[in-house]
Protein backbone atom coordinates (compact mmCIF):
# COMPACT_ATOMS: atom_id res chain seq x y z
CA MET A 1 -15.01 -6.08 -0.89
CA ALA A 2 -16.84 -6.19 -4.21
CA THR A 3 -19.31 -3.48 -5.06
CA PRO A 4 -22.62 -4.29 -6.75
CA TRP A 5 -22.14 -1.34 -9.13
CA HIS A 6 -20.37 -1.79 -12.44
CA ALA A 7 -20.26 -0.48 -15.98
CA SER A 8 -20.25 -2.45 -19.23
CA ARG A 9 -19.57 -1.33 -22.77
CA ARG A 10 -22.83 -0.78 -24.63
CA PRO A 11 -23.04 -3.60 -27.18
CA ASP A 12 -25.16 -1.54 -29.58
CA MET A 13 -22.67 1.36 -29.82
CA SER A 14 -19.03 1.63 -30.81
CA PRO A 15 -16.41 3.83 -29.20
CA THR A 16 -15.74 7.05 -31.09
CA GLY A 17 -12.72 9.27 -31.41
CA ASP A 18 -12.11 12.91 -32.24
CA ALA A 19 -9.25 13.16 -34.75
CA ASP A 20 -8.52 16.78 -33.77
CA THR A 21 -8.30 16.39 -29.99
CA GLY A 22 -7.57 12.66 -29.70
CA GLU A 23 -10.46 12.31 -27.26
CA ILE A 24 -12.00 8.82 -27.07
CA ARG A 25 -15.58 8.18 -25.93
CA VAL A 26 -16.72 4.73 -24.87
CA PRO A 27 -20.51 4.38 -24.40
CA LEU A 28 -21.31 2.48 -21.19
CA ASP A 29 -24.33 0.94 -19.51
CA LEU A 30 -24.39 1.40 -15.71
CA TRP A 31 -25.58 -1.51 -13.58
CA CYS A 32 -26.35 -2.35 -9.96
CA VAL A 33 -26.04 -6.13 -9.78
CA ASP A 34 -28.21 -7.13 -12.78
CA ARG A 35 -30.45 -4.05 -12.91
CA PRO A 36 -29.72 -1.29 -15.43
CA GLN A 37 -29.25 2.10 -13.79
CA GLY A 38 -28.50 4.35 -16.74
CA GLN A 39 -25.94 5.19 -19.37
CA ALA A 40 -22.78 7.27 -19.46
CA ASP A 41 -19.73 7.79 -21.65
CA LEU A 42 -16.22 7.05 -20.48
CA VAL A 43 -14.27 10.00 -21.89
CA LEU A 44 -10.51 9.60 -22.21
CA THR A 45 -7.81 11.92 -23.45
CA ARG A 46 -5.48 10.50 -26.08
CA ILE A 47 -2.80 9.88 -23.42
CA GLU A 48 -5.29 8.18 -21.07
CA ALA A 49 -6.54 5.98 -23.90
CA GLU A 50 -2.97 5.02 -24.84
CA HIS A 51 -2.17 4.09 -21.23
CA LEU A 52 -5.36 2.06 -20.92
CA TYR A 53 -4.62 0.31 -24.22
CA ALA A 54 -1.09 -0.55 -23.08
CA HIS A 55 -2.32 -1.89 -19.75
CA LEU A 56 -5.09 -3.97 -21.34
CA SER A 57 -2.60 -5.34 -23.88
CA ARG A 58 -0.28 -6.45 -21.07
CA LEU A 59 -3.16 -8.14 -19.27
CA LEU A 60 -4.30 -9.92 -22.43
CA ASN A 61 -0.77 -11.05 -23.25
CA GLN A 62 -0.25 -12.36 -19.70
CA SER A 63 -3.44 -14.37 -20.02
CA ARG A 64 -2.39 -15.69 -23.43
CA LEU A 65 1.10 -16.57 -22.14
CA SER A 66 -0.35 -18.28 -19.07
CA LYS A 67 -2.63 -20.42 -21.23
CA ALA A 68 0.27 -21.33 -23.55
CA VAL A 69 2.44 -22.37 -20.59
CA ASP A 70 -0.43 -24.42 -19.12
CA CYS A 71 -0.97 -26.11 -22.49
CA ASN A 72 2.75 -26.85 -22.86
CA VAL A 73 2.88 -28.41 -19.38
CA GLU A 74 -0.13 -30.57 -20.19
CA ILE A 75 1.45 -31.74 -23.45
CA ARG A 76 4.82 -32.53 -21.82
CA ASN A 77 3.09 -34.47 -19.03
CA HIS A 78 0.77 -36.37 -21.35
CA PRO A 79 1.57 -40.13 -21.25
CA HIS A 80 1.76 -40.41 -25.04
CA THR A 81 4.18 -37.48 -25.45
CA ALA A 82 6.30 -37.82 -22.32
CA ARG A 83 9.91 -38.79 -23.03
CA SER A 84 11.52 -41.59 -21.12
CA ASP A 85 15.21 -40.84 -20.73
CA ALA A 86 15.80 -43.83 -18.46
């Protein structure tokens, strides 16, 4: 079941990092449906940030691969590009 609460990256602020500790801070806006509820920072250790980055990269690559496969299927099935081996 979906919850009406969510967080979004604050568009007016960039994530920051501490070069000494590796800590990453991502400024967030907190929402309940479409009503702002406040602000908070997502604070990640270097390891947590690396794991999140790796997971997001996999998700983005899956999406990109899925779109490329869909596009390839559409091109192969297009009447002007389909081969007739008969």
